[in-house]
Amino acid sequence: MRAIKLQINKKQDMKIIQVYDPTSCLEDSVVEEFYSDLEMLLTTEKTTYTIIIGDFNAKIGKNNVIEEVGKFGIGERNERGERLLEFVASRNLFIRNTFFKKNDRYWTWESPNAATHNLIDYVISNKRSILMDVAVIPKVDTGSDHRLVRAKIRIDKKMERARCMKRVKKKSINLDKLESRKLEFHIALQNRYAILEDAVELTSMDEAYEKVVKTILEEAEKLANGKQIVTIEEDDRKEISELNDKRKKLKPGGIYRIEQNDTKDKEEKEEST
C-alpha cells in the first residue's frame, strides 16, 4: 500500500493511494489489517481530494442500493465485496467504476482459461465531481490477468470554491452578550482545550488551527447566539437621513435634475441682475 500527495494550489491538495487487498484464500484477520492500514492513511493527513486505486479482490456485484455505488456492475457479490461496501459507506467514498455506463467493458480480471470475468479493480474517490470517466482499456497488453483501468480527472476550481462557500455556516454571535458572560466563556474554552490537547498533537498544523477556531466559535455561539443589537442616536439618524437624500439624487436621472436646477438658478440670477 502506497500513497502520494499532490499540491494543486495553496488551498487544494490531493492524496492518491494505491492498494492491493490479499486474495480470499487468506484469513479474515489479514483483510481487517488491510482496512486498518487504509483507514490510517485516510485519517493521518486529510486532503481536499482523495483517490484510492488498486486490486481489492472483492466482487461488489450489481443492483446495489447504497448511494456510494452506481448501478453499473457485474456478477454476484461475495464476502470481500460486502466488506468493501461497508468501508466506503462508513467513509463516504464512491466506487466510481460503477457510475459510468459501458458496453460490457466492466470486468478487470480474467481467469487463466478465459471463462470467468470479474470486476475487482476499483477507482474510489471522496468526491464524485472530480472523476469524469472510469473505463477499462482492453487493447493494452499488460502481461497480466488484469486489464488496465483509466480514470479521467477534472477539477473545476470555481465550482469547488462555490461548494465550499455553501458549506460554510455563518455564525451569529452577540458580542455584547458574550462580553457579559466572559467568565463562562473562558471556563468553557478551558474544558474544551483539555480534550483537544491530545488530538491536536497528532494532527497537522492546519488541522489543529481549524479545530481551535471551530471550538472557539462553537462555544461563543452557545453562550451568545444572535445578532448584536446596534443603537442609533438621534443626531446619527439625521445624518443618515441626509446621506440617503444625497444618495437618491445620484441615481439615474438625479444628476440631470441637479444640473437642470443649477442652470435655472443661474438664469434667475442673471435676470435679476
Protein backbone atom coordinates (compact mmCIF):
# COMPACT_ATOMS: atom_id res chain seq x y z
CA MET A 1 0.00 0.00 0.00
CA ARG A 2 1.49 3.34 -1.09
CA ALA A 3 0.32 6.95 -1.01
CA ILE A 4 1.42 10.19 -2.65
CA LYS A 5 0.25 13.76 -2.05
CA LEU A 6 -0.14 16.33 -4.82
CA GLN A 7 -0.40 20.05 -4.06
CA ILE A 8 -2.82 21.52 -6.59
CA ASN A 9 -2.73 25.10 -5.29
CA LYS A 10 -2.36 26.89 -1.97
CA LYS A 11 -5.67 25.61 -0.59
CA GLN A 12 -6.31 22.36 -2.51
CA ASP A 13 -4.38 19.11 -2.46
CA MET A 14 -4.92 15.50 -3.49
CA LYS A 15 -3.95 12.18 -1.97
CA ILE A 16 -3.66 9.11 -4.22
CA ILE A 17 -3.47 5.73 -2.51
CA GLN A 18 -2.54 2.56 -4.39
CA VAL A 19 -3.66 -0.67 -2.71
CA TYR A 20 -3.64 -4.44 -3.03
CA ASP A 21 -6.04 -6.46 -0.88
CA PRO A 22 -4.95 -10.11 -0.39
CA THR A 23 -6.94 -12.85 -2.11
CA SER A 24 -9.84 -14.63 -0.44
CA CYS A 25 -7.71 -17.69 0.37
CA LEU A 26 -6.11 -15.80 3.29
CA GLU A 27 -7.62 -15.38 6.75
CA ASP A 28 -10.06 -12.59 7.60
CA SER A 29 -7.56 -11.10 10.06
CA VAL A 30 -5.30 -10.23 7.11
CA VAL A 31 -8.17 -8.43 5.40
CA GLU A 32 -9.01 -6.49 8.56
CA GLU A 33 -5.37 -5.49 8.85
CA PHE A 34 -5.53 -4.20 5.27
CA TYR A 35 -8.56 -1.99 6.01
CA SER A 36 -6.95 -0.80 9.24
CA ASP A 37 -3.87 0.34 7.32
CA LEU A 38 -6.06 2.02 4.71
CA GLU A 39 -8.05 3.81 7.42
CA MET A 40 -4.81 5.11 8.89
CA LEU A 41 -3.68 6.52 5.55
CA LEU A 42 -7.02 8.27 5.10
CA THR A 43 -7.08 9.89 8.54
CA THR A 44 -3.40 10.65 9.13
CA GLU A 45 -3.38 13.73 6.92
CA LYS A 46 -6.63 14.90 5.39
CA THR A 47 -6.64 16.35 1.88
CA THR A 48 -9.19 18.11 -0.31
CA TYR A 49 -9.41 15.17 -2.70
CA THR A 50 -8.68 11.51 -2.08
CA ILE A 51 -8.48 8.79 -4.72
CA ILE A 52 -7.91 5.10 -3.94
CA ILE A 53 -6.94 2.79 -6.79
CA GLY A 54 -5.99 -0.86 -6.96
CA ASP A 55 -6.89 -4.53 -6.73
CA PHE A 56 -9.35 -5.14 -3.87
CA ASN A 57 -10.04 -8.80 -4.78
CA ALA A 58 -13.67 -8.02 -3.96
CA LYS A 59 -16.79 -8.52 -6.06
CA ILE A 60 -19.49 -5.97 -5.24
CA GLY A 61 -21.90 -7.28 -7.88
CA LYS A 62 -24.74 -5.24 -9.35
CA ASN A 63 -28.08 -3.78 -8.28
CA ASN A 64 -26.52 -2.01 -5.31
CA VAL A 65 -28.82 0.35 -3.44
CA ILE A 66 -26.35 2.48 -1.47
CA GLU A 67 -25.51 5.91 -2.88
CA GLU A 68 -21.76 5.28 -2.76
CA VAL A 69 -22.09 2.72 -5.58
CA GLY A 70 -23.56 3.22 -9.05
CA LYS A 71 -25.94 0.92 -10.90
CA PHE A 72 -23.43 -0.43 -13.41
CA GLY A 73 -21.73 -3.56 -12.09
CA ILE A 74 -21.38 -7.23 -12.97
CA GLY A 75 -21.75 -10.62 -11.32
CA GLU A 76 -22.67 -11.52 -7.77
CA ARG A 77 -21.37 -10.01 -4.56
CA ASN A 78 -19.03 -12.00 -2.30
CA GLU A 79 -17.92 -11.55 1.32
CA ARG A 80 -14.99 -9.36 0.36
CA GLY A 81 -17.40 -7.24 -1.63
CA GLU A 82 -19.61 -6.84 1.44
CA ARG A 83 -16.60 -5.67 3.45
CA LEU A 84 -15.62 -3.15 0.78
CA LEU A 85 -19.16 -1.74 0.65
CA GLU A 86 -19.18 -1.38 4.43
CA PHE A 87 -15.92 0.52 4.28
CA VAL A 88 -16.88 3.01 1.54
CA ALA A 89 -20.26 3.67 3.20
CA SER A 90 -18.60 4.39 6.56
CA ARG A 91 -16.08 6.78 4.97
CA ASN A 92 -18.50 8.39 2.47
CA LEU A 93 -16.41 7.23 -0.51
CA PHE A 94 -17.64 6.48 -4.03
CA ILE A 95 -16.73 3.46 -6.19
CA ARG A 96 -16.63 5.36 -9.46
CA ASN A 97 -16.24 2.36 -11.82
CA THR A 98 -19.93 1.68 -11.29
CA PHE A 99 -21.19 5.15 -12.22
CA PHE A 100 -20.41 5.10 -15.94
CA LYS A 101 -22.30 3.02 -18.46
CA LYS A 102 -20.11 0.95 -20.77
CA ASN A 103 -20.75 -1.64 -23.48
CA ASP A 104 -19.93 -4.78 -21.50
CA ARG A 105 -16.48 -3.47 -20.61
CA TYR A 106 -16.67 -3.52 -16.83
CA TRP A 107 -14.61 -6.56 -15.96
CA THR A 108 -10.98 -6.05 -14.95
CA TRP A 109 -9.81 -9.63 -14.24
CA GLU A 110 -9.88 -12.79 -16.36
CA SER A 111 -9.34 -16.37 -15.24
CA PRO A 112 -6.49 -18.40 -16.87
CA ASN A 113 -8.98 -20.32 -19.08
CA ALA A 114 -10.74 -17.05 -20.03
CA ALA A 115 -14.06 -18.49 -18.80
CA THR A 116 -14.53 -16.19 -15.79
CA HIS A 117 -14.50 -12.40 -15.67
CA ASN A 118 -14.78 -10.25 -12.56
CA LEU A 119 -14.71 -6.61 -11.60
CA ILE A 120 -12.23 -6.43 -8.70
CA ASP A 121 -10.07 -3.39 -9.55
CA TYR A 122 -11.62 -0.10 -8.47
CA VAL A 123 -11.18 3.64 -8.57
CA ILE A 124 -12.64 5.15 -5.40
CA SER A 125 -12.88 8.84 -4.54
CA ASN A 126 -14.20 11.08 -1.78
CA LYS A 127 -15.82 13.46 -4.30
CA ARG A 128 -17.96 12.38 -7.22
CA SER A 129 -17.46 15.57 -9.24
CA ILE A 130 -13.74 15.25 -9.98
CA LEU A 131 -13.84 11.91 -11.85
CA MET A 132 -15.30 12.47 -15.31
CA ASP A 133 -14.90 8.87 -16.51
CA VAL A 134 -13.55 5.49 -15.43
CA ALA A 135 -13.07 2.87 -18.13
CA VAL A 136 -11.21 -0.34 -18.94
CA ILE A 137 -8.74 -0.26 -21.84
CA PRO A 138 -8.97 -3.76 -23.36
CA LYS A 139 -6.44 -3.39 -26.19
CA VAL A 140 -3.44 -2.71 -23.97
CA ASP A 141 -1.43 -5.88 -23.25
CA THR A 142 -0.22 -5.59 -19.65
CA GLY A 143 1.15 -9.14 -19.47
CA SER A 144 -1.21 -9.80 -16.59
CA ASP A 145 -4.62 -11.34 -15.96
CA HIS A 146 -5.82 -7.82 -15.09
CA ARG A 147 -6.88 -5.19 -17.58
CA LEU A 148 -5.74 -1.58 -17.47
CA VAL A 149 -8.19 0.84 -15.82
CA ARG A 150 -8.12 4.51 -16.79
CA ALA A 151 -9.67 7.40 -14.86
CA LYS A 152 -10.16 10.93 -16.16
CA ILE A 153 -9.91 13.64 -13.52
CA ARG A 154 -11.04 17.24 -13.83
CA ILE A 155 -11.07 19.81 -11.06
CA ASP A 156 -13.26 22.88 -11.56
CA LYS A 157 -11.74 25.42 -9.18
CA LYS A 158 -14.63 27.87 -9.40
CA MET A 159 -17.25 25.18 -8.77
CA GLU A 160 -15.35 23.68 -5.85
CA ARG A 161 -14.85 27.12 -4.32
CA ALA A 162 -18.58 27.81 -4.61
CA ARG A 163 -19.40 24.48 -2.96
CA CYS A 164 -17.03 25.21 -0.11
CA MET A 165 -18.67 28.60 0.42
CA LYS A 166 -22.12 26.98 0.58
CA ARG A 167 -20.92 24.51 3.19
CA VAL A 168 -19.64 27.27 5.48
CA LYS A 169 -22.23 28.01 8.14
CA LYS A 170 -22.32 31.64 9.17
CA LYS A 171 -22.01 32.20 12.90
CA SER A 172 -24.27 34.80 14.50
CA ILE A 173 -22.72 35.96 17.79
CA ASN A 174 -23.86 38.82 20.00
CA LEU A 175 -20.59 40.40 21.13
CA ASP A 176 -22.15 42.42 23.94
CA LYS A 177 -23.79 39.31 25.33
CA LEU A 178 -20.55 37.39 25.05
CA GLU A 179 -18.69 40.14 26.92
CA SER A 180 -21.17 39.93 29.79
CA ARG A 181 -20.60 36.15 30.01
CA LYS A 182 -16.83 36.33 29.62
CA LEU A 183 -16.04 34.17 32.66
CA GLU A 184 -18.36 31.37 31.46
CA PHE A 185 -16.76 31.61 28.04
CA HIS A 186 -13.24 31.21 29.42
CA ILE A 187 -14.25 28.21 31.55
CA ALA A 188 -15.95 26.53 28.57
CA LEU A 189 -12.84 27.02 26.42
CA GLN A 190 -10.57 25.60 29.12
CA ASN A 191 -12.71 22.46 29.31
CA ARG A 192 -12.72 22.04 25.53
CA TYR A 193 -8.97 22.65 25.21
CA ALA A 194 -8.26 19.95 27.77
CA ILE A 195 -9.98 17.47 25.45
CA LEU A 196 -8.41 18.89 22.28
CA GLU A 197 -4.84 18.86 23.59
CA ASP A 198 -4.10 15.20 22.80
CA ALA A 199 -5.93 15.27 19.46
CA VAL A 200 -4.08 18.39 18.25
CA GLU A 201 -0.67 16.80 18.89
CA LEU A 202 -1.48 14.02 16.40
CA THR A 203 -2.65 16.31 13.57
CA SER A 204 -1.01 18.74 11.18
CA MET A 205 -0.73 22.46 11.90
CA ASP A 206 -3.60 23.31 9.50
CA GLU A 207 -5.96 20.77 11.07
CA ALA A 208 -5.04 21.92 14.58
CA TYR A 209 -5.79 25.52 13.61
CA GLU A 210 -9.19 24.57 12.17
CA LYS A 211 -10.11 22.62 15.31
CA VAL A 212 -9.18 25.50 17.62
CA VAL A 213 -11.10 28.09 15.58
CA LYS A 214 -14.13 25.80 15.35
CA THR A 215 -14.07 25.25 19.11
CA ILE A 216 -13.97 28.99 19.86
CA LEU A 217 -16.88 29.72 17.50
CA GLU A 218 -19.00 26.84 18.83
CA GLU A 219 -18.62 27.91 22.46
CA ALA A 220 -19.23 31.58 21.61
CA GLU A 221 -22.41 30.69 19.72
CA LYS A 222 -23.68 28.59 22.63
CA LEU A 223 -23.36 31.47 25.08
CA ALA A 224 -24.17 34.44 22.85
CA ASN A 225 -26.21 33.29 19.89
CA GLY A 226 -27.98 36.04 17.96
CA LYS A 227 -27.22 39.26 16.14
CA GLN A 228 -25.75 42.18 18.02
CA ILE A 229 -28.27 45.00 18.61
CA VAL A 230 -26.98 48.38 17.43
CA THR A 231 -28.49 51.58 18.89
CA ILE A 232 -28.58 54.79 16.84
CA GLU A 233 -28.58 58.23 18.43
CA GLU A 234 -30.94 60.99 17.20
CA ASP A 235 -28.09 63.04 15.67
CA ASP A 236 -26.91 59.97 13.81
CA ARG A 237 -30.42 59.40 12.46
CA LYS A 238 -30.49 62.91 10.98
CA GLU A 239 -27.08 62.47 9.38
CA ILE A 240 -28.09 59.11 7.90
CA SER A 241 -31.29 60.66 6.53
CA GLU A 242 -29.34 63.47 4.85
CA LEU A 243 -26.91 60.97 3.32
CA ASN A 244 -29.82 58.93 1.97
CA ASP A 245 -31.31 62.03 0.32
CA LYS A 246 -27.99 62.75 -1.39
CA ARG A 247 -27.71 59.14 -2.50
CA LYS A 248 -31.18 59.28 -4.10
CA LYS A 249 -30.17 62.35 -6.11
CA LEU A 250 -27.21 60.43 -7.54
CA LYS A 251 -29.44 57.70 -9.00
CA PRO A 252 -30.01 57.59 -12.81
CA GLY A 253 -31.70 60.85 -13.76
CA GLY A 254 -30.71 62.51 -10.49
CA ILE A 255 -27.56 64.11 -11.93
CA TYR A 256 -29.57 65.62 -14.75
CA ARG A 257 -32.12 67.09 -12.31
CA ILE A 258 -29.36 68.65 -10.21
CA GLU A 259 -27.68 70.18 -13.27
CA GLN A 260 -31.04 71.42 -14.54
CA ASN A 261 -31.80 73.09 -11.21
CA ASP A 262 -28.34 74.69 -11.17
CA THR A 263 -28.94 76.09 -14.69
CA LYS A 264 -32.30 77.58 -13.64
CA ASP A 265 -30.68 79.20 -10.61
CA LYS A 266 -28.01 80.81 -12.81
CA GLU A 267 -30.66 82.12 -15.27
CA GLU A 268 -32.70 83.60 -12.46
CA LYS A 269 -29.61 85.35 -11.04
CA GLU A 270 -28.72 86.81 -14.46
CA GLU A 271 -32.28 88.13 -14.96
CA SER A 272 -32.30 89.74 -11.51
CA THR A 273 -29.02 91.50 -12.28
